[in-house]
């Protein structure tokens, strides 16, 4: 008997999955949806999104909601724009197995589909969980060298995760699903060299659009290789650089769901995830040790090998590239006692923060385990030399995050009454009318 291909087995797992029977998975899904909507509404006025819409949707028209824009577009443009908006502040959730941002890719694809297919809210939530499961497990199967070599996993895994979510939602056949996954995988692209530029959030939008288009092409009979995971010139062979572990793709599928364990991290700060322990450590040194900028002679940040791979900026020019600078993030958190969206906008870096950041350096503890999807391998050490003599030391382990996004949503929308009903609706939505109401609310302009 011929062994069933890995691609086919993945397709069958996607279609057989029923997250609706797991209240824990759906509860986290609701939190994730609210979180990314906060990020997208917060990013709706971003300069780069305006350029994107001017380029791809210069005129209003279509059925799909452009979040926070007060107008609509075709589903593919909406997926592109809303994915970009959700990631443009670098405030959206992350997942360790993905080593990237799943929700800002998967949800925009499903919301764009909802505009034309009349989806139920509970179906959308279930399909989102399946898309995330696919994206996360594909990340585990690729191993760590994919990211470290230079690929942005949000961009490369995202199309497949979005296509899986749409295939599940529309109840594809296994053959259609395998084709959709392959069509998504052949559009996988995105390089980490774009971190700090408009192109990074564009990665999320392109991935959302690619996953949606791949699935709908497959639905309409478009052909593509049915074995993207099995071919000797397939996805794992092209992108894993010898670190592939295909056995991790399906082992333990939905037991538990990846959205539950290791779970999503909802960001507490609007900057690169890898620098969040830096922010926590700086805030603790300020609050607990009374450390002030004037008291700092020099600071050494210690990461595990690979722990600062995404932190590609040491001397930022503006708040945009400062999102990827642990030196700046330490300085801003210590000086101001908080990190807000305004720390990471397009204004030039404040001179006082630049001067403090120049007294921060970093190193790697080569005796520590290399950073991996296991969150216990993540840490940042702080060794502070004081101007008055003496030293301070701290260590932050793991990845801090928010327990829910309600306050984050209110902050992102400036407490606007027009969006005030969204958190409660996301928490309770179940049927088609609930999802239609959510789309109506999201379609309002963030700026009157």
Protein backbone atom coordinates (compact mmCIF):
# COMPACT_ATOMS: atom_id res chain seq x y z
CA UNK A 1 0.00 0.00 0.00
CA UNK A 2 1.30 3.43 -0.91
CA UNK A 3 2.00 5.60 2.11
CA UNK A 4 -0.17 8.71 2.32
CA UNK A 5 1.88 11.83 1.70
CA UNK A 6 2.62 14.27 4.49
CA UNK A 7 0.86 17.04 2.56
CA UNK A 8 -2.27 14.91 2.23
CA UNK A 9 -2.21 13.99 5.91
CA UNK A 10 -1.88 17.67 6.82
CA UNK A 11 -4.87 18.47 4.63
CA UNK A 12 -6.90 15.75 6.33
CA UNK A 13 -5.94 17.02 9.79
CA UNK A 14 -7.00 20.54 8.83
CA UNK A 15 -10.40 19.40 7.62
CA UNK A 16 -11.06 17.02 10.52
CA UNK A 17 -10.29 19.60 13.19
CA UNK A 18 -13.07 20.93 15.40
CA UNK A 19 -11.74 23.63 17.75
CA UNK A 20 -15.30 24.60 18.65
CA UNK A 21 -15.35 21.61 20.99
CA UNK A 22 -12.47 23.08 23.02
CA UNK A 23 -13.64 26.10 25.07
CA UNK A 24 -10.07 26.97 26.08
CA UNK A 25 -8.95 27.32 22.45
CA UNK A 26 -11.93 29.47 21.51
CA UNK A 27 -11.48 31.68 24.58
CA UNK A 28 -7.88 32.45 23.58
CA UNK A 29 -9.01 33.00 19.99
CA UNK A 30 -11.43 35.71 21.11
CA UNK A 31 -8.65 37.47 23.03
CA UNK A 32 -6.37 37.26 20.00
CA UNK A 33 -9.02 38.69 17.69
CA UNK A 34 -9.59 41.67 19.97
CA UNK A 35 -5.84 42.19 20.31
CA UNK A 36 -5.17 42.32 16.57
CA UNK A 37 -8.20 44.56 15.99
CA UNK A 38 -6.70 46.97 18.52
CA UNK A 39 -3.45 46.88 16.59
CA UNK A 40 -5.16 47.37 13.21
CA UNK A 41 -7.27 50.29 14.44
CA UNK A 42 -4.21 51.80 16.08
CA UNK A 43 -2.36 51.45 12.79
CA UNK A 44 -5.22 52.67 10.60
CA UNK A 45 -3.79 56.19 10.37
CA UNK A 46 -0.23 55.10 9.63
CA UNK A 47 1.57 56.83 6.75
CA UNK A 48 2.65 53.58 5.13
CA UNK A 49 -0.92 52.23 5.12
CA UNK A 50 -2.07 55.40 3.35
CA UNK A 51 0.54 54.77 0.64
CA UNK A 52 -0.58 51.14 0.35
CA UNK A 53 -4.22 52.13 -0.08
CA UNK A 54 -3.34 54.88 -2.54
CA UNK A 55 -1.46 52.29 -4.59
CA UNK A 56 -3.88 49.35 -4.44
CA UNK A 57 -7.25 50.98 -3.74
CA UNK A 58 -7.22 54.58 -4.97
CA UNK A 59 -11.00 54.50 -5.29
CA UNK A 60 -13.58 53.07 -2.91
CA UNK A 61 -15.42 49.99 -4.09
CA UNK A 62 -16.03 46.43 -3.04
CA UNK A 63 -17.62 44.48 -0.21
CA UNK A 64 -14.73 43.86 2.17
CA UNK A 65 -14.07 46.16 5.13
CA UNK A 66 -10.91 48.23 5.34
CA UNK A 67 -10.48 48.45 9.11
CA UNK A 68 -10.78 51.99 10.40
CA UNK A 69 -10.98 53.55 6.94
CA UNK A 70 -14.69 54.21 6.45
CA UNK A 71 -14.72 52.53 3.05
CA UNK A 72 -14.50 49.11 1.46
CA UNK A 73 -12.45 47.29 -1.15
CA UNK A 74 -12.27 43.93 -2.89
CA UNK A 75 -11.42 40.99 -0.60
CA UNK A 76 -7.81 40.62 -1.76
CA UNK A 77 -6.98 44.29 -1.22
CA UNK A 78 -8.75 44.22 2.15
CA UNK A 79 -6.69 41.22 3.26
CA UNK A 80 -3.53 43.02 2.16
CA UNK A 81 -4.38 46.31 3.84
CA UNK A 82 -5.76 44.88 7.06
CA UNK A 83 -2.80 42.52 7.47
CA UNK A 84 -0.45 45.46 7.04
CA UNK A 85 -2.46 47.61 9.48
CA UNK A 86 -2.42 44.87 12.12
CA UNK A 87 1.36 44.61 12.02
CA UNK A 88 2.43 48.18 11.27
CA UNK A 89 2.86 49.14 14.94
CA UNK A 90 4.66 45.85 15.73
CA UNK A 91 2.19 45.54 18.61
CA UNK A 92 0.41 42.35 17.52
CA UNK A 93 0.68 38.90 19.07
CA UNK A 94 3.49 36.42 18.62
CA UNK A 95 3.77 32.66 18.84
CA UNK A 96 6.94 30.80 19.78
CA UNK A 97 6.43 27.91 17.35
CA UNK A 98 5.89 30.32 14.49
CA UNK A 99 8.64 32.65 15.66
CA UNK A 100 6.39 35.33 14.23
CA UNK A 101 2.96 36.88 14.14
CA UNK A 102 0.07 34.58 13.17
CA UNK A 103 -3.12 36.50 13.87
CA UNK A 104 -2.40 39.54 11.70
CA UNK A 105 -2.12 37.20 8.71
CA UNK A 106 -4.89 34.68 9.34
CA UNK A 107 -7.67 36.94 10.62
CA UNK A 108 -7.55 39.48 7.73
CA UNK A 109 -7.92 36.63 5.24
CA UNK A 110 -10.97 35.31 7.09
CA UNK A 111 -12.53 38.76 7.54
CA UNK A 112 -12.16 39.42 3.83
CA UNK A 113 -13.88 36.10 3.13
CA UNK A 114 -16.66 36.92 5.60
CA UNK A 115 -17.65 39.95 3.57
CA UNK A 116 -18.66 37.83 0.59
CA UNK A 117 -19.60 34.45 2.11
CA UNK A 118 -21.81 35.40 5.06
CA UNK A 119 -19.77 33.48 7.62
CA UNK A 120 -20.83 32.73 11.17
CA UNK A 121 -18.63 34.18 13.88
CA UNK A 122 -18.14 30.80 15.56
CA UNK A 123 -17.00 29.29 12.25
CA UNK A 124 -14.51 32.12 11.77
CA UNK A 125 -13.06 31.57 15.25
CA UNK A 126 -12.70 27.82 14.70
CA UNK A 127 -11.02 28.28 11.34
CA UNK A 128 -8.66 30.87 12.80
CA UNK A 129 -7.54 28.30 15.42
CA UNK A 130 -6.92 25.72 12.67
CA UNK A 131 -4.95 28.23 10.61
CA UNK A 132 -2.79 29.05 13.60
CA UNK A 133 -2.27 25.35 14.35
CA UNK A 134 -1.07 24.83 10.78
CA UNK A 135 1.22 27.84 10.81
CA UNK A 136 2.74 26.95 14.19
CA UNK A 137 3.31 23.30 13.41
CA UNK A 138 4.87 24.16 10.08
CA UNK A 139 7.23 26.41 12.03
CA UNK A 140 8.18 23.50 14.28
CA UNK A 141 8.78 21.31 11.23
CA UNK A 142 11.06 23.91 9.61
CA UNK A 143 13.34 24.26 12.63
CA UNK A 144 15.34 27.32 13.66
CA UNK A 145 17.68 27.88 10.72
CA UNK A 146 14.92 29.24 8.48
CA UNK A 147 14.54 32.37 10.60
CA UNK A 148 18.20 32.72 11.49
CA UNK A 149 19.25 32.50 7.85
CA UNK A 150 17.20 35.61 7.12
CA UNK A 151 13.59 34.69 6.41
CA UNK A 152 10.71 36.46 8.17
CA UNK A 153 8.52 33.58 9.34
CA UNK A 154 5.37 35.71 9.46
CA UNK A 155 5.75 36.16 5.71
CA UNK A 156 6.79 32.63 4.79
CA UNK A 157 4.53 30.56 7.06
CA UNK A 158 1.64 33.01 6.96
CA UNK A 159 0.32 32.20 3.47
CA UNK A 160 0.01 28.52 4.39
CA UNK A 161 -1.69 29.28 7.70
CA UNK A 162 -4.18 31.63 6.03
CA UNK A 163 -4.91 29.14 3.24
CA UNK A 164 -5.50 26.41 5.81
CA UNK A 165 -7.95 28.62 7.69
CA UNK A 166 -9.92 29.40 4.54
CA UNK A 167 -9.91 25.74 3.43
CA UNK A 168 -11.28 24.71 6.83
CA UNK A 169 -13.89 27.45 6.79
CA UNK A 170 -15.17 26.59 3.30
CA UNK A 171 -15.03 22.83 3.95
CA UNK A 172 -12.73 21.99 1.05
CA UNK A 173 -11.99 18.46 -0.02
CA UNK A 174 -8.56 17.03 0.89
CA UNK A 175 -7.42 17.47 -2.72
CA UNK A 176 -8.53 21.10 -2.81
CA UNK A 177 -6.84 21.73 0.52
CA UNK A 178 -3.53 20.17 -0.55
CA UNK A 179 -3.56 22.28 -3.70
CA UNK A 180 -4.40 25.44 -1.74
CA UNK A 181 -1.53 24.81 0.67
CA UNK A 182 0.88 24.35 -2.22
CA UNK A 183 -0.33 27.48 -3.99
CA UNK A 184 0.16 29.37 -0.74
CA UNK A 185 3.62 27.93 -0.15
CA UNK A 186 4.81 28.95 -3.60
CA UNK A 187 4.02 32.57 -2.64
CA UNK A 188 6.01 32.36 0.61
CA UNK A 189 8.55 35.19 0.76
CA UNK A 190 9.88 37.83 3.12
CA UNK A 191 13.32 38.77 4.44
CA UNK A 192 14.27 40.03 7.88
CA UNK A 193 16.46 42.67 6.28
CA UNK A 194 13.22 44.66 5.90
CA UNK A 195 12.81 45.07 9.67
CA UNK A 196 12.56 48.74 10.47
CA UNK A 197 11.07 49.62 7.08
CA UNK A 198 7.53 49.85 5.69
CA UNK A 199 8.12 46.48 4.05
CA UNK A 200 7.98 44.54 7.32
CA UNK A 201 4.25 45.04 7.97
CA UNK A 202 3.69 44.66 4.23
CA UNK A 203 4.91 41.08 4.71
CA UNK A 204 1.86 40.34 6.86
CA UNK A 205 -0.52 41.87 4.33
CA UNK A 206 1.04 40.03 1.41
CA UNK A 207 0.83 36.76 3.34
CA UNK A 208 -2.85 37.29 4.14
CA UNK A 209 -3.62 38.06 0.51
CA UNK A 210 -1.54 35.11 -0.72
CA UNK A 211 -3.31 32.64 1.56
CA UNK A 212 -6.74 33.91 0.57
CA UNK A 213 -5.96 33.91 -3.15
CA UNK A 214 -4.38 30.44 -2.98
CA UNK A 215 -7.47 28.97 -1.33
CA UNK A 216 -9.95 30.61 -3.70
CA UNK A 217 -7.92 29.61 -6.74
CA UNK A 218 -7.95 26.01 -5.53
CA UNK A 219 -11.70 26.21 -4.88
CA UNK A 220 -12.21 27.23 -8.52
CA UNK A 221 -10.12 24.40 -9.95
CA UNK A 222 -6.74 26.09 -10.41
CA UNK A 223 -4.00 23.46 -10.36
CA UNK A 224 -0.82 23.31 -8.33
CA UNK A 225 1.59 20.75 -6.93
CA UNK A 226 -0.25 18.54 -4.41
CA UNK A 227 2.89 17.62 -2.45
CA UNK A 228 4.52 20.84 -1.25
CA UNK A 229 5.85 19.08 1.86
CA UNK A 230 6.92 15.82 0.20
CA UNK A 231 8.67 16.81 -3.00
CA UNK A 232 12.49 16.64 -3.00
CA UNK A 233 12.34 20.27 -4.12
CA UNK A 234 9.52 21.18 -1.75
CA UNK A 235 8.96 23.65 1.06
CA UNK A 236 11.01 21.96 3.78
CA UNK A 237 13.93 21.25 1.48
CA UNK A 238 14.01 24.82 0.18
CA UNK A 239 13.53 26.65 3.49
CA UNK A 240 14.79 24.50 6.38
CA UNK A 241 18.52 24.45 5.50
CA UNK A 242 18.96 20.96 6.90
CA UNK A 243 17.15 21.60 10.19
CA UNK A 244 13.78 20.19 9.12
CA UNK A 245 11.86 17.91 11.47
CA UNK A 246 8.79 16.79 9.46
CA UNK A 247 7.72 14.45 12.25
CA UNK A 248 6.85 17.52 14.35
CA UNK A 249 4.20 18.69 11.91
CA UNK A 250 1.41 16.34 12.95
CA UNK A 251 2.62 14.73 16.19
CA UNK A 252 0.24 15.81 18.94
CA UNK A 253 -1.95 17.86 16.60
CA UNK A 254 -4.58 19.71 18.70
CA UNK A 255 -3.46 17.89 21.88
CA UNK A 256 -3.34 20.63 23.04
CA UNK A 257 -3.97 23.23 20.40
CA UNK A 258 -0.96 25.43 19.71
CA UNK A 259 -3.07 28.48 20.58
CA UNK A 260 -3.33 27.04 24.11
CA UNK A 261 0.20 25.66 24.57
CA UNK A 262 2.75 27.08 24.14
CA UNK A 263 0.10 29.72 23.41
CA UNK A 264 0.05 33.24 22.08
CA UNK A 265 1.80 36.17 23.68
CA UNK A 266 -0.21 39.39 23.54
CA UNK A 267 2.30 42.21 23.43
CA UNK A 268 2.54 44.67 26.27
CA UNK A 269 4.83 47.02 24.32
CA UNK A 270 4.64 48.29 20.71
CA UNK A 271 8.06 47.02 19.63
CA UNK A 272 9.85 43.85 18.60
CA UNK A 273 9.07 40.88 20.82
CA UNK A 274 12.72 40.00 21.34
CA UNK A 275 13.20 43.30 23.17
CA UNK A 276 10.28 42.91 25.57
CA UNK A 277 12.43 41.34 28.30
CA UNK A 278 14.74 44.34 27.89
CA UNK A 279 11.83 46.68 28.58
CA UNK A 280 10.73 44.65 31.61
CA UNK A 281 14.24 44.68 33.03
CA UNK A 282 14.69 48.43 32.52
CA UNK A 283 11.34 49.18 34.17
CA UNK A 284 12.26 46.93 37.10
CA UNK A 285 15.64 48.61 37.55
CA UNK A 286 13.88 51.98 37.61
CA UNK A 287 11.10 50.94 40.01
CA UNK A 288 12.94 48.56 42.31
CA UNK A 289 16.49 49.90 42.34
CA UNK A 290 15.73 53.56 41.72
CA UNK A 291 18.03 53.60 38.71
CA UNK A 292 18.07 56.85 36.72
CA UNK A 293 19.74 57.67 33.39
CA UNK A 294 22.31 59.91 35.07
CA UNK A 295 23.39 57.05 37.31
CA UNK A 296 24.29 54.80 34.37
CA UNK A 297 27.90 54.59 33.24
CA UNK A 298 27.38 51.56 31.01
CA UNK A 299 24.95 48.66 30.55
CA UNK A 300 25.65 45.26 29.03
CA UNK A 301 22.64 43.25 27.83
CA UNK A 302 23.27 39.51 27.62
CA UNK A 303 21.18 37.34 25.29
CA UNK A 304 21.27 33.62 24.58
CA UNK A 305 22.76 32.75 21.19
CA UNK A 306 20.20 33.82 18.58
CA UNK A 307 18.20 35.76 21.17
CA UNK A 308 18.67 39.10 19.46
CA UNK A 309 18.48 37.88 15.86
CA UNK A 310 15.46 40.11 15.18
CA UNK A 311 17.01 43.12 16.90
CA UNK A 312 18.84 44.36 13.86
CA UNK A 313 19.24 48.03 14.88
CA UNK A 314 21.77 49.41 17.36
CA UNK A 315 21.74 53.11 16.48
CA UNK A 316 18.18 54.02 15.43
CA UNK A 317 17.37 57.22 13.59
CA UNK A 318 13.60 57.32 14.16
CA UNK A 319 11.12 55.52 16.37
CA UNK A 320 10.29 53.19 13.48
CA UNK A 321 13.66 51.48 13.35
CA UNK A 322 13.95 51.91 17.14
CA UNK A 323 11.37 49.11 17.47
CA UNK A 324 14.25 46.75 16.70
CA UNK A 325 16.87 48.34 18.96
CA UNK A 326 17.30 46.90 22.47
CA UNK A 327 19.67 49.75 23.25
CA UNK A 328 16.97 52.33 22.56
CA UNK A 329 14.24 50.31 24.25
CA UNK A 330 16.30 50.05 27.44
CA UNK A 331 16.95 53.79 27.34
CA UNK A 332 13.32 54.78 26.68
CA UNK A 333 11.90 52.48 29.35
CA UNK A 334 14.44 53.59 31.96
CA UNK A 335 14.10 57.30 31.20
CA UNK A 336 10.32 57.52 30.84
CA UNK A 337 9.08 54.65 32.99
CA UNK A 338 6.85 53.36 30.16
CA UNK A 339 6.87 52.48 26.49
CA UNK A 340 4.07 53.95 24.39
CA UNK A 341 3.20 54.11 20.72
CA UNK A 342 4.73 57.59 20.63
CA UNK A 343 8.16 56.14 21.40
CA UNK A 344 8.05 54.31 18.09
CA UNK A 345 6.67 56.78 15.59
CA UNK A 346 8.40 58.54 12.69
CA UNK A 347 9.91 61.35 14.72
CA UNK A 348 13.70 61.40 15.18
CA UNK A 349 14.99 59.66 18.28
CA UNK A 350 15.14 62.08 21.21
CA UNK A 351 18.70 63.27 21.89
CA UNK A 352 18.60 62.24 25.56
CA UNK A 353 17.48 58.72 24.64
CA UNK A 354 20.16 58.49 21.94
CA UNK A 355 22.86 59.47 24.43
CA UNK A 356 21.68 56.89 26.95
CA UNK A 357 21.33 54.18 24.29
CA UNK A 358 24.96 54.78 23.27
CA UNK A 359 25.95 53.62 26.76
CA UNK A 360 24.26 50.24 26.19
CA UNK A 361 25.95 47.28 24.51
CA UNK A 362 25.08 43.63 24.08
CA UNK A 363 26.73 40.25 24.18
CA UNK A 364 25.80 36.56 23.94
CA UNK A 365 26.21 33.91 26.59
CA UNK A 366 27.68 31.16 24.44
CA UNK A 367 27.31 28.65 27.28
CA UNK A 368 23.52 29.03 27.26
CA UNK A 369 21.17 26.96 25.09
CA UNK A 370 20.49 28.54 21.73
CA UNK A 371 17.16 30.36 21.53
CA UNK A 372 14.47 27.96 20.35
CA UNK A 373 10.67 27.76 20.30
CA UNK A 374 10.93 26.63 23.94
CA UNK A 375 10.24 29.86 25.87
CA UNK A 376 12.49 28.73 28.71
CA UNK A 377 15.51 29.40 26.47
CA UNK A 378 14.68 33.13 26.31
CA UNK A 379 16.38 35.49 28.75
CA UNK A 380 18.12 38.86 28.98
CA UNK A 381 20.76 39.65 31.58
CA UNK A 382 21.51 43.21 32.74
CA UNK A 383 24.90 44.28 34.08
CA UNK A 384 24.85 47.98 35.00
CA UNK A 385 28.01 49.90 35.85
CA UNK A 386 27.13 52.96 37.93
CA UNK A 387 28.71 56.38 37.51
CA UNK A 388 29.18 56.61 41.27
CA UNK A 389 30.89 53.23 41.38
CA UNK A 390 29.45 49.80 41.94
CA UNK A 391 27.18 47.65 39.81
CA UNK A 392 23.63 46.37 39.53
CA UNK A 393 22.55 43.09 37.97
CA UNK A 394 19.20 41.71 36.88
CA UNK A 395 17.95 38.83 34.75
CA UNK A 396 14.57 38.53 33.02
CA UNK A 397 13.51 35.09 31.81
CA UNK A 398 10.73 34.08 29.46
CA UNK A 399 8.49 36.36 27.43
CA UNK A 400 6.14 38.75 29.27
CA UNK A 401 2.70 39.49 27.86
CA UNK A 402 -0.83 40.73 28.55
CA UNK A 403 -3.62 38.56 29.94
CA UNK A 404 -6.21 40.33 27.78
CA UNK A 405 -6.42 43.20 25.31
CA UNK A 406 -9.40 45.21 26.56
CA UNK A 407 -7.36 48.13 27.90
CA UNK A 408 -5.08 47.93 24.88
CA UNK A 409 -8.12 48.22 22.60
CA UNK A 410 -9.44 51.28 24.44
CA UNK A 411 -6.01 52.91 24.25
CA UNK A 412 -5.62 52.13 20.54
CA UNK A 413 -9.00 53.67 19.76
CA UNK A 414 -8.55 56.59 22.17
CA UNK A 415 -11.70 55.46 23.95
CA UNK A 416 -13.81 56.31 20.89
CA UNK A 417 -17.51 55.65 21.45
CA UNK A 418 -17.93 54.40 17.89
CA UNK A 419 -15.79 51.34 18.67
CA UNK A 420 -16.80 50.89 22.30
CA UNK A 421 -19.05 47.89 21.58
CA UNK A 422 -16.31 45.87 19.87
CA UNK A 423 -14.72 44.17 22.95
CA UNK A 424 -18.02 42.80 24.26
CA UNK A 425 -19.08 41.73 20.77
CA UNK A 426 -15.85 39.83 20.15
CA UNK A 427 -16.21 38.15 23.53
CA UNK A 428 -19.71 36.86 22.76
CA UNK A 429 -20.11 36.72 18.97
CA UNK A 430 -21.50 33.46 17.61
CA UNK A 431 -23.65 33.76 14.49
CA UNK A 432 -23.73 35.47 11.12
CA UNK A 433 -25.46 38.60 12.38
CA UNK A 434 -22.81 39.06 15.11
CA UNK A 435 -20.01 38.91 12.56
CA UNK A 436 -21.86 41.29 10.26
CA UNK A 437 -22.20 43.73 13.16
CA UNK A 438 -18.49 43.45 13.91
CA UNK A 439 -17.61 44.20 10.29
CA UNK A 440 -19.93 47.21 10.37
CA UNK A 441 -18.21 48.61 13.44
CA UNK A 442 -14.74 47.96 12.08
CA UNK A 443 -15.64 49.72 8.85
CA UNK A 444 -16.07 53.07 10.56
CA UNK A 445 -13.27 55.62 10.13
CA UNK A 446 -10.84 55.82 13.04
CA UNK A 447 -10.51 59.55 12.34
CA UNK A 448 -13.77 61.44 11.81
